[in-house]
């Protein structure tokens, strides 16, 4: 079937379940999948919001096999692209590729020269800004343009990755194909950002409740970080379960990982954060996916799109800066539908860290004025804009995230065009005030998000109700195993089947050592 041949009448005659069985070996759709796919196949722009772990990727992978033309998927993480390509190829879909920095020059050139052979093409928003690739893709017939994890437009686009805000221009160069934007969490503000940024105000919206009733919510108040560490040790020492521990600090990520490695030698523990080499991060992720690691201490850089079904525990060592991120991260647990636990470790001194991180993401007013003056000097001296990160940091006295935020604003205001400074005194003075206002508004918005997170931590009613009320009109009322305010006790948390199996394996190896009079106890290999 192809988009041009499918009419609403003909679509009713298509048995999508047959294609689902033939291509993916599945007998039925999950909630929301068929509705989204049906609208995609009839050429509509769609915003799809499905709970984490509910199979959002199927909503474009199946259409990609049915449409006449090519499907381009914008994905935020290289590891996520690689995993999905691997899974698709294992299911027999060979005409799929992920364009990323891990490719050798020769491999990349081969793919670029044969792009027409691929039905499904994964890219990052940054690589889509490369003229060489863009010109190649423009030769193709793009039938569907997908933004996976579309909340990144709002969550990351303003500061960390402004190329998300440039996707509309790319889509126009592909002759405005239908758009599918997918996410797990969408507040009214995030929804507005997505529709506005893509310039598709009339997207069909399929928004389903994100409440995951198999995830039990807990908040553990502590005195300090030492008590947090000891709490983790007591919690994990008898449990061999796939676990994610989230941090807001790279340094703390490594420190706590080393602490747990020393205290829990029979557990397989590692850490993951954005300061590591990309190949090391990919290696750690693959080990976790393949059950070669039990516990990952990580920053928010880990986990997006991880299709691991049996994660049983998600701990937040530091307070997340927004509820949206928190829901996405705890949603990586219990994708198989079995009971899983979320725990937030919290003490009052934690409040300063997310606030400091928010402030560091954006330039101060003083920095903005200084950078304006530096741009004037560069223009007056007929120099070129600095290009490398080191040159940018040295010239403008700001970090690279702050520069990305400002550079996008400079482009948007017309101060910079094609990396050339377009100086006009009157226009620049007005732009200076406008950019300061944009920055201040953004800062206040992020403070508000943090306040909502803190308010939830101090809730005196059902944690599930308090968590989801921002996103949906109702929540799942559970009579048991709901949250600590509804009677759940982490001390009574029962051992899982997986844990018992690992304990049996551990005991079997120890018994074998005892039989042969081998001194010492069995220790699982640690991954450092």
Protein backbone atom coordinates (compact mmCIF):
# COMPACT_ATOMS: atom_id res chain seq x y z
CA UNK A 1 0.00 0.00 0.00
CA UNK A 2 1.14 3.54 -0.58
CA UNK A 3 -0.06 6.88 0.67
CA UNK A 4 -1.24 7.96 -2.75
CA UNK A 5 -3.35 4.84 -3.21
CA UNK A 6 -4.91 4.73 0.25
CA UNK A 7 -8.26 6.45 0.60
CA UNK A 8 -10.44 6.51 3.70
CA UNK A 9 -12.71 3.95 2.06
CA UNK A 10 -9.88 1.66 1.05
CA UNK A 11 -8.27 1.97 4.46
CA UNK A 12 -11.32 0.37 6.04
CA UNK A 13 -10.64 -2.67 3.88
CA UNK A 14 -7.03 -2.99 5.01
CA UNK A 15 -6.49 -5.46 7.82
CA UNK A 16 -3.74 -3.73 9.76
CA UNK A 17 -3.62 -6.65 12.19
CA UNK A 18 -2.38 -8.87 9.36
CA UNK A 19 0.48 -6.47 8.64
CA UNK A 20 1.18 -6.25 12.37
CA UNK A 21 1.45 -10.05 12.56
CA UNK A 22 3.48 -10.42 9.37
CA UNK A 23 5.99 -7.65 10.06
CA UNK A 24 6.27 -7.67 13.86
CA UNK A 25 4.84 -11.00 15.02
CA UNK A 26 2.22 -9.28 17.16
CA UNK A 27 -1.43 -10.32 17.32
CA UNK A 28 -3.02 -7.06 18.46
CA UNK A 29 -2.37 -3.33 18.83
CA UNK A 30 -1.91 -1.63 22.16
CA UNK A 31 -4.14 1.25 23.14
CA UNK A 32 -3.79 4.17 20.75
CA UNK A 33 -1.47 2.54 18.23
CA UNK A 34 -4.06 1.65 15.59
CA UNK A 35 -5.81 5.02 15.85
CA UNK A 36 -2.52 6.88 15.30
CA UNK A 37 -1.42 4.60 12.45
CA UNK A 38 -4.78 4.94 10.70
CA UNK A 39 -4.53 8.73 10.67
CA UNK A 40 -0.89 8.60 9.56
CA UNK A 41 -1.77 6.37 6.60
CA UNK A 42 -4.41 8.85 5.45
CA UNK A 43 -1.88 11.68 5.36
CA UNK A 44 -2.88 13.58 8.49
CA UNK A 45 -0.51 15.45 10.78
CA UNK A 46 -0.64 13.65 14.13
CA UNK A 47 0.46 14.36 17.68
CA UNK A 48 0.55 11.04 19.53
CA UNK A 49 1.00 10.86 23.29
CA UNK A 50 1.26 7.35 24.71
CA UNK A 51 2.65 6.21 28.08
CA UNK A 52 6.34 5.32 28.24
CA UNK A 53 6.83 1.72 27.18
CA UNK A 54 3.55 1.47 25.26
CA UNK A 55 5.11 1.00 21.82
CA UNK A 56 5.21 4.48 20.30
CA UNK A 57 7.83 3.46 17.72
CA UNK A 58 5.40 1.01 16.10
CA UNK A 59 3.27 4.03 15.14
CA UNK A 60 5.82 4.96 12.47
CA UNK A 61 7.62 1.67 11.87
CA UNK A 62 4.50 -0.01 10.50
CA UNK A 63 3.53 2.94 8.24
CA UNK A 64 7.12 3.08 6.99
CA UNK A 65 6.65 -0.42 5.56
CA UNK A 66 3.32 0.45 3.94
CA UNK A 67 3.93 3.92 2.52
CA UNK A 68 5.24 4.57 -0.96
CA UNK A 69 8.31 6.65 -0.28
CA UNK A 70 10.64 7.26 2.62
CA UNK A 71 10.08 7.88 6.31
CA UNK A 72 12.52 10.16 8.14
CA UNK A 73 12.67 9.83 11.92
CA UNK A 74 14.30 12.51 14.06
CA UNK A 75 15.62 10.77 17.17
CA UNK A 76 17.44 12.41 20.10
CA UNK A 77 20.07 9.77 20.91
CA UNK A 78 22.49 7.73 18.80
CA UNK A 79 22.12 4.72 21.10
CA UNK A 80 18.35 4.84 20.67
CA UNK A 81 18.66 4.88 16.88
CA UNK A 82 21.13 2.01 16.86
CA UNK A 83 18.93 -0.11 19.13
CA UNK A 84 15.85 0.42 16.99
CA UNK A 85 17.69 -0.33 13.75
CA UNK A 86 19.04 -3.52 15.28
CA UNK A 87 15.58 -4.61 16.41
CA UNK A 88 14.01 -3.86 13.03
CA UNK A 89 16.68 -5.79 11.15
CA UNK A 90 16.21 -8.71 13.54
CA UNK A 91 12.52 -8.64 12.54
CA UNK A 92 13.44 -8.81 8.87
CA UNK A 93 13.18 -5.11 7.97
CA UNK A 94 16.50 -4.53 6.20
CA UNK A 95 15.79 -1.21 4.48
CA UNK A 96 16.51 0.86 7.55
CA UNK A 97 19.54 2.93 8.53
CA UNK A 98 20.67 5.32 11.28
CA UNK A 99 22.93 8.18 10.21
CA UNK A 100 25.29 8.95 13.08
CA UNK A 101 28.82 9.90 14.03
CA UNK A 102 29.82 6.28 14.70
CA UNK A 103 29.78 5.58 10.97
CA UNK A 104 33.13 5.53 9.21
CA UNK A 105 33.57 8.05 6.41
CA UNK A 106 33.42 5.25 3.83
CA UNK A 107 30.23 3.77 5.32
CA UNK A 108 28.57 7.18 5.54
CA UNK A 109 29.40 7.99 1.92
CA UNK A 110 28.05 4.61 0.79
CA UNK A 111 24.78 5.23 2.64
CA UNK A 112 24.50 8.78 1.29
CA UNK A 113 24.97 7.48 -2.24
CA UNK A 114 22.27 4.84 -1.76
CA UNK A 115 19.69 6.67 0.37
CA UNK A 116 16.94 5.69 -2.07
CA UNK A 117 17.38 2.07 -0.94
CA UNK A 118 16.18 2.82 2.59
CA UNK A 119 12.52 3.11 3.56
CA UNK A 120 13.22 4.25 7.11
CA UNK A 121 16.02 6.73 7.87
CA UNK A 122 16.93 7.74 11.45
CA UNK A 123 18.68 11.09 11.94
CA UNK A 124 19.45 13.55 14.72
CA UNK A 125 18.20 17.15 14.50
CA UNK A 126 21.81 18.31 14.27
CA UNK A 127 22.77 16.16 11.29
CA UNK A 128 19.74 17.48 9.40
CA UNK A 129 21.41 20.90 9.42
CA UNK A 130 24.25 19.60 7.24
CA UNK A 131 23.73 20.89 3.72
CA UNK A 132 25.32 17.87 2.06
CA UNK A 133 22.91 15.40 3.68
CA UNK A 134 19.95 17.73 3.33
CA UNK A 135 20.51 18.06 -0.40
CA UNK A 136 20.66 14.28 -0.73
CA UNK A 137 17.46 13.78 1.25
CA UNK A 138 15.65 16.43 -0.79
CA UNK A 139 15.98 14.18 -3.82
CA UNK A 140 13.85 11.55 -2.11
CA UNK A 141 10.10 11.34 -1.88
CA UNK A 142 9.52 11.82 1.85
CA UNK A 143 6.11 10.37 2.72
CA UNK A 144 6.30 10.84 6.49
CA UNK A 145 8.41 13.00 8.80
CA UNK A 146 8.55 11.75 12.40
CA UNK A 147 9.78 13.49 15.54
CA UNK A 148 10.29 10.79 18.14
CA UNK A 149 10.38 12.01 21.75
CA UNK A 150 8.81 15.25 20.50
CA UNK A 151 8.81 16.80 23.98
CA UNK A 152 12.52 17.48 23.26
CA UNK A 153 11.34 20.38 21.09
CA UNK A 154 10.14 22.10 24.25
CA UNK A 155 12.42 20.52 26.83
CA UNK A 156 15.73 20.77 24.97
CA UNK A 157 15.10 23.03 21.98
CA UNK A 158 15.31 26.37 23.79
CA UNK A 159 18.73 25.81 25.36
CA UNK A 160 20.52 22.50 24.92
CA UNK A 161 19.63 21.58 21.32
CA UNK A 162 18.11 24.48 19.38
CA UNK A 163 18.24 22.49 16.13
CA UNK A 164 14.94 21.00 17.32
CA UNK A 165 13.44 24.46 16.77
CA UNK A 166 14.82 24.50 13.21
CA UNK A 167 12.97 21.36 12.09
CA UNK A 168 10.15 23.35 10.48
CA UNK A 169 12.58 24.77 7.91
CA UNK A 170 13.84 21.28 7.12
CA UNK A 171 10.31 19.93 6.69
CA UNK A 172 9.52 22.71 4.22
CA UNK A 173 12.47 21.63 2.08
CA UNK A 174 10.93 18.13 1.89
CA UNK A 175 7.75 19.63 0.38
CA UNK A 176 5.87 19.56 3.69
CA UNK A 177 5.14 15.83 4.12
CA UNK A 178 2.73 14.69 6.86
CA UNK A 179 4.21 14.94 10.36
CA UNK A 180 3.96 12.47 13.23
CA UNK A 181 5.13 13.84 16.60
CA UNK A 182 5.36 11.27 19.41
CA UNK A 183 5.90 11.71 23.13
CA UNK A 184 5.10 10.18 26.51
CA UNK A 185 4.39 13.41 28.40
CA UNK A 186 2.75 16.55 27.09
CA UNK A 187 1.58 19.46 29.23
CA UNK A 188 -0.44 22.24 27.60
CA UNK A 189 2.77 24.31 27.33
CA UNK A 190 4.75 21.47 25.73
CA UNK A 191 1.89 20.79 23.31
CA UNK A 192 1.85 24.48 22.37
CA UNK A 193 5.62 24.46 21.81
CA UNK A 194 5.39 21.41 19.53
CA UNK A 195 2.51 22.74 17.40
CA UNK A 196 4.02 26.23 17.17
CA UNK A 197 7.57 25.12 16.41
CA UNK A 198 6.39 22.77 13.63
CA UNK A 199 3.84 25.32 12.38
CA UNK A 200 1.13 22.67 12.36
CA UNK A 201 -1.58 24.13 14.65
CA UNK A 202 -4.26 21.69 13.46
CA UNK A 203 -2.52 18.38 14.11
CA UNK A 204 -4.85 15.52 14.99
CA UNK A 205 -4.24 14.80 18.67
CA UNK A 206 -4.28 11.30 20.12
CA UNK A 207 -3.46 11.84 23.80
CA UNK A 208 -3.82 8.90 26.18
CA UNK A 209 -3.45 8.76 29.98
CA UNK A 210 0.15 8.35 31.06
CA UNK A 211 -0.59 6.87 34.49
CA UNK A 212 1.31 3.56 34.86
CA UNK A 213 -0.55 1.64 37.57
CA UNK A 214 2.21 -0.97 38.00
CA UNK A 215 4.74 1.63 39.20
CA UNK A 216 4.61 2.21 42.96
CA UNK A 217 5.60 5.74 44.03
CA UNK A 218 7.77 6.46 47.08
CA UNK A 219 9.58 9.47 48.54
CA UNK A 220 12.32 8.88 51.11
CA UNK A 221 13.38 11.93 53.13
CA UNK A 222 16.99 11.82 54.29
CA UNK A 223 19.34 13.98 56.33
CA UNK A 224 22.22 14.16 53.85
CA UNK A 225 23.94 12.32 51.00
CA UNK A 226 25.65 9.88 53.37
CA UNK A 227 22.24 8.69 54.50
CA UNK A 228 21.20 8.38 50.85
CA UNK A 229 24.19 6.16 50.14
CA UNK A 230 23.48 3.93 53.11
CA UNK A 231 19.82 3.73 52.14
CA UNK A 232 20.81 2.53 48.65
CA UNK A 233 23.13 -0.07 50.12
CA UNK A 234 20.42 -1.47 52.44
CA UNK A 235 17.87 -1.41 49.63
CA UNK A 236 20.02 -3.19 47.06
CA UNK A 237 22.16 -5.60 49.05
CA UNK A 238 19.54 -8.38 48.94
CA UNK A 239 18.06 -7.47 45.57
CA UNK A 240 19.59 -8.41 42.21
CA UNK A 241 17.27 -6.49 39.93
CA UNK A 242 17.73 -4.18 36.93
CA UNK A 243 18.00 -0.73 38.50
CA UNK A 244 18.45 2.86 37.30
CA UNK A 245 19.68 5.50 39.74
CA UNK A 246 19.35 9.04 38.36
CA UNK A 247 21.60 11.96 39.32
CA UNK A 248 21.81 15.62 38.38
CA UNK A 249 25.59 15.69 38.85
CA UNK A 250 28.15 13.77 36.78
CA UNK A 251 30.57 13.79 39.71
CA UNK A 252 27.98 12.28 42.07
CA UNK A 253 27.10 9.69 39.43
CA UNK A 254 30.65 8.34 39.50
CA UNK A 255 31.12 8.70 43.26
CA UNK A 256 28.00 6.75 44.18
CA UNK A 257 28.72 4.11 41.54
CA UNK A 258 32.15 3.54 43.12
CA UNK A 259 30.61 3.47 46.60
CA UNK A 260 28.10 0.80 45.56
CA UNK A 261 30.74 -1.21 43.70
CA UNK A 262 32.80 -1.39 46.89
CA UNK A 263 29.84 -2.16 49.15
CA UNK A 264 28.08 -4.59 46.79
CA UNK A 265 30.80 -6.65 45.09
CA UNK A 266 28.29 -9.30 43.96
CA UNK A 267 26.33 -6.71 41.96
CA UNK A 268 27.35 -5.59 38.50
CA UNK A 269 27.40 -1.80 38.60
CA UNK A 270 28.50 0.98 36.28
CA UNK A 271 27.83 4.66 35.58
CA UNK A 272 26.78 6.67 32.54
CA UNK A 273 26.76 10.41 31.82
CA UNK A 274 27.19 12.89 28.97
CA UNK A 275 30.83 13.59 29.81
CA UNK A 276 31.89 10.08 28.76
CA UNK A 277 33.06 9.13 25.28
CA UNK A 278 30.15 8.21 23.02
CA UNK A 279 31.50 4.70 22.38
CA UNK A 280 31.77 4.07 26.15
CA UNK A 281 28.20 5.21 26.70
CA UNK A 282 26.97 2.93 23.95
CA UNK A 283 28.93 0.01 25.43
CA UNK A 284 27.41 0.53 28.89
CA UNK A 285 23.92 0.74 27.45
CA UNK A 286 24.34 -2.46 25.46
CA UNK A 287 25.64 -4.30 28.53
CA UNK A 288 22.60 -3.20 30.52
CA UNK A 289 20.25 -4.22 27.71
CA UNK A 290 21.93 -7.64 27.52
CA UNK A 291 21.64 -8.29 31.30
CA UNK A 292 25.40 -7.95 31.81
CA UNK A 293 24.89 -5.09 34.28
CA UNK A 294 22.44 -4.85 37.18
CA UNK A 295 22.67 -1.22 38.27
CA UNK A 296 23.35 1.95 36.26
CA UNK A 297 24.13 5.22 38.04
CA UNK A 298 23.29 7.79 35.39
CA UNK A 299 22.27 11.29 34.46
CA UNK A 300 19.20 12.03 32.34
CA UNK A 301 21.32 11.25 29.26
CA UNK A 302 20.54 7.56 29.86
CA UNK A 303 17.32 5.72 29.27
CA UNK A 304 15.35 7.55 26.60
CA UNK A 305 13.85 4.90 24.35
CA UNK A 306 15.48 2.03 26.26
CA UNK A 307 13.30 -0.96 25.43
CA UNK A 308 14.25 -3.11 28.42
CA UNK A 309 11.17 -4.81 29.78
CA UNK A 310 12.27 -5.85 33.27
CA UNK A 311 13.65 -2.73 34.97
CA UNK A 312 12.23 -3.06 38.47
CA UNK A 313 13.59 -0.05 40.31
CA UNK A 314 14.16 3.62 39.39
CA UNK A 315 15.73 5.81 42.06
CA UNK A 316 16.18 9.57 41.86
CA UNK A 317 19.18 10.48 43.97
CA UNK A 318 18.64 14.17 43.18
CA UNK A 319 15.40 16.08 42.65
CA UNK A 320 14.45 16.31 38.95
CA UNK A 321 13.95 19.87 37.77
CA UNK A 322 10.53 19.13 36.25
CA UNK A 323 7.70 16.65 36.61
CA UNK A 324 7.74 15.82 32.88
CA UNK A 325 11.29 14.44 33.09
CA UNK A 326 10.46 12.55 36.26
CA UNK A 327 7.47 10.78 34.66
CA UNK A 328 9.54 9.87 31.59
CA UNK A 329 12.32 8.44 33.74
CA UNK A 330 10.17 6.37 36.09
CA UNK A 331 8.29 5.14 33.01
CA UNK A 332 11.36 3.13 32.03
CA UNK A 333 10.46 0.67 34.79
CA UNK A 334 8.05 -2.21 34.49
CA UNK A 335 7.46 -2.20 30.74
CA UNK A 336 6.42 -5.85 31.04
CA UNK A 337 3.49 -4.77 33.22
CA UNK A 338 4.90 -6.25 36.43
CA UNK A 339 5.16 -4.32 39.67
CA UNK A 340 8.08 -1.90 39.80
CA UNK A 341 9.19 0.77 42.24
CA UNK A 342 10.04 4.47 41.98
CA UNK A 343 11.90 6.13 44.86
CA UNK A 344 12.93 9.76 45.22
CA UNK A 345 15.64 10.43 47.81
CA UNK A 346 15.18 13.92 49.14
CA UNK A 347 16.62 16.33 51.70
CA UNK A 348 16.23 20.08 51.98
CA UNK A 349 19.75 20.89 50.82
CA UNK A 350 18.91 19.27 47.48
CA UNK A 351 16.82 22.27 46.47
CA UNK A 352 19.87 24.37 45.54
CA UNK A 353 21.21 21.93 42.92
CA UNK A 354 18.37 21.99 40.35
CA UNK A 355 18.03 25.74 40.76
CA UNK A 356 21.73 26.20 40.08
CA UNK A 357 21.54 23.93 37.02
CA UNK A 358 18.60 25.92 35.63
CA UNK A 359 20.47 29.20 36.07
CA UNK A 360 23.63 27.85 34.46
CA UNK A 361 21.76 26.76 31.33
CA UNK A 362 20.91 30.37 30.47
CA UNK A 363 23.20 33.41 30.20
CA UNK A 364 22.88 36.23 32.70
CA UNK A 365 21.79 39.69 31.54
CA UNK A 366 25.37 40.85 32.02
CA UNK A 367 26.64 38.04 29.78
CA UNK A 368 24.12 38.90 27.07
CA UNK A 369 25.26 42.55 26.99
CA UNK A 370 28.91 41.45 26.94
CA UNK A 371 28.29 39.05 24.02
CA UNK A 372 26.44 41.78 22.08
CA UNK A 373 29.48 44.02 22.45
CA UNK A 374 31.82 41.23 21.38
CA UNK A 375 29.73 40.68 18.24
CA UNK A 376 29.98 44.39 17.44
CA UNK A 377 33.76 44.24 17.83
CA UNK A 378 33.97 41.22 15.53
CA UNK A 379 31.87 43.05 12.94
CA UNK A 380 33.81 46.33 13.20
CA UNK A 381 37.15 44.53 12.88
CA UNK A 382 35.91 42.51 9.90
CA UNK A 383 36.58 39.20 11.65
CA UNK A 384 34.79 35.87 11.39
CA UNK A 385 32.60 34.37 14.05
CA UNK A 386 34.40 31.82 16.24
CA UNK A 387 33.47 28.28 15.19
CA UNK A 388 34.96 25.77 17.62
CA UNK A 389 33.63 25.32 21.14
CA UNK A 390 36.95 26.44 22.61
CA UNK A 391 36.95 29.63 20.51
CA UNK A 392 33.34 30.37 21.46
CA UNK A 393 33.97 29.93 25.19
CA UNK A 394 37.12 32.10 25.08
CA UNK A 395 35.59 34.86 22.94
CA UNK A 396 32.22 35.21 24.64
CA UNK A 397 32.99 34.06 28.19
CA UNK A 398 30.02 31.67 28.31
CA UNK A 399 29.54 27.92 28.11
CA UNK A 400 28.40 26.19 24.94
CA UNK A 401 24.79 25.65 26.10
CA UNK A 402 24.38 29.36 26.80
CA UNK A 403 25.87 30.17 23.39
CA UNK A 404 23.49 27.80 21.59
CA UNK A 405 20.53 29.52 23.23
CA UNK A 406 21.80 32.95 22.20
CA UNK A 407 22.88 31.93 18.70
CA UNK A 408 19.38 30.69 17.94
CA UNK A 409 17.97 33.98 19.21
CA UNK A 410 20.48 35.93 17.08
CA UNK A 411 19.42 33.97 14.00
CA UNK A 412 15.74 34.39 14.79
CA UNK A 413 16.12 38.16 15.18
CA UNK A 414 18.12 38.50 11.95
CA UNK A 415 21.35 39.56 13.68
CA UNK A 416 23.16 36.54 12.24
CA UNK A 417 22.48 34.98 8.87
CA UNK A 418 24.52 32.13 7.44
CA UNK A 419 27.12 32.64 10.17
CA UNK A 420 27.54 36.27 9.06
CA UNK A 421 26.90 39.19 11.38
CA UNK A 422 24.20 41.55 10.05
CA UNK A 423 24.83 44.70 12.09
CA UNK A 424 22.28 47.51 12.44
CA UNK A 425 22.46 49.76 15.52
CA UNK A 426 18.75 50.46 15.97
CA UNK A 427 17.72 46.87 15.22
CA UNK A 428 20.37 45.47 17.55
CA UNK A 429 19.34 47.67 20.48
CA UNK A 430 15.78 46.40 20.14
CA UNK A 431 17.00 42.82 19.73
CA UNK A 432 19.05 43.12 22.92
CA UNK A 433 15.97 43.99 24.95
CA UNK A 434 13.87 41.29 23.26
CA UNK A 435 16.46 38.57 23.91
CA UNK A 436 16.84 39.55 27.56
CA UNK A 437 13.05 39.31 27.91
CA UNK A 438 12.99 35.87 26.21
CA UNK A 439 15.71 34.67 28.56
CA UNK A 440 13.94 36.01 31.66
CA UNK A 441 10.62 34.47 30.61
CA UNK A 442 12.29 31.14 30.01
CA UNK A 443 14.02 31.28 33.40
CA UNK A 444 10.74 31.98 35.19
CA UNK A 445 9.06 29.11 33.34
CA UNK A 446 11.78 26.70 34.46
CA UNK A 447 11.52 27.96 38.05
CA UNK A 448 7.80 27.28 37.91
CA UNK A 449 8.44 23.72 36.73
CA UNK A 450 10.85 23.16 39.64
CA UNK A 451 8.29 24.57 42.08
CA UNK A 452 5.72 22.05 40.81
CA UNK A 453 8.20 19.21 41.39
CA UNK A 454 8.92 20.40 44.94
CA UNK A 455 5.21 20.78 45.64
CA UNK A 456 4.70 17.14 44.63
CA UNK A 457 7.50 16.02 46.97
CA UNK A 458 5.64 17.67 49.82
CA UNK A 459 2.22 16.25 48.90
CA UNK A 460 0.04 15.05 51.78
CA UNK A 461 -2.38 13.08 49.60
CA UNK A 462 -2.01 10.15 47.20
CA UNK A 463 1.25 10.64 45.30
CA UNK A 464 -0.26 9.17 42.12
CA UNK A 465 -3.14 11.66 42.13
CA UNK A 466 -0.81 14.60 42.85
CA UNK A 467 1.67 13.55 40.14
CA UNK A 468 -0.68 13.19 37.20
CA UNK A 469 -3.20 15.97 37.87
CA UNK A 470 -1.12 18.37 35.75
CA UNK A 471 -1.47 16.13 32.70
CA UNK A 472 -4.88 14.47 32.84
CA UNK A 473 -8.26 14.88 34.47
CA UNK A 474 -8.23 11.55 36.31
CA UNK A 475 -5.85 8.91 37.62
CA UNK A 476 -5.94 5.20 38.41
CA UNK A 477 -7.18 4.65 41.95
CA UNK A 478 -5.45 1.61 43.39
CA UNK A 479 -6.53 -0.14 46.56
CA UNK A 480 -3.02 -1.44 47.25
CA UNK A 481 0.54 -1.07 45.97
CA UNK A 482 -0.15 2.56 45.02
CA UNK A 483 2.26 4.77 46.96
CA UNK A 484 3.67 5.23 50.43
CA UNK A 485 0.88 7.65 51.37
CA UNK A 486 -1.64 4.96 50.47
CA UNK A 487 -0.03 2.37 52.72
CA UNK A 488 2.81 0.88 50.65
CA UNK A 489 5.97 0.03 52.59
CA UNK A 490 9.26 -0.45 50.78
CA UNK A 491 10.34 -2.83 53.57
CA UNK A 492 7.54 -5.19 52.58
CA UNK A 493 8.52 -5.16 48.91
CA UNK A 494 8.55 -8.78 47.80
CA UNK A 495 11.48 -10.42 46.01
CA UNK A 496 10.97 -10.71 42.26
CA UNK A 497 11.35 -13.91 40.23
CA UNK A 498 14.44 -12.52 38.52
CA UNK A 499 16.03 -11.75 41.86
CA UNK A 500 15.38 -15.28 43.16
CA UNK A 501 16.90 -16.76 40.01
CA UNK A 502 20.07 -14.70 40.45
CA UNK A 503 20.28 -15.59 44.12
CA UNK A 504 19.94 -19.27 43.21
CA UNK A 505 22.72 -18.87 40.65
CA UNK A 506 24.87 -17.09 43.21
CA UNK A 507 24.27 -19.86 45.79
CA UNK A 508 24.91 -22.59 43.19
CA UNK A 509 28.30 -21.12 42.30
CA UNK A 510 29.16 -20.79 45.99
CA UNK A 511 28.17 -24.42 46.65
CA UNK A 512 30.35 -25.50 43.72
CA UNK A 513 33.31 -23.62 45.20
CA UNK A 514 32.67 -25.23 48.57
CA UNK A 515 32.63 -28.69 46.95
CA UNK A 516 36.12 -28.09 45.54
CA UNK A 517 37.36 -26.32 48.69
CA UNK A 518 37.88 -23.04 46.80
CA UNK A 519 38.52 -20.23 49.26
CA UNK A 520 36.59 -16.95 49.08
CA UNK A 521 33.14 -16.19 47.88
CA UNK A 522 31.84 -15.86 44.37
CA UNK A 523 31.88 -12.31 43.01
CA UNK A 524 30.22 -11.24 39.84
CA UNK A 525 32.43 -9.29 37.52
CA UNK A 526 32.28 -5.54 38.05
CA UNK A 527 32.24 -3.27 35.03
CA UNK A 528 34.36 -0.19 35.77
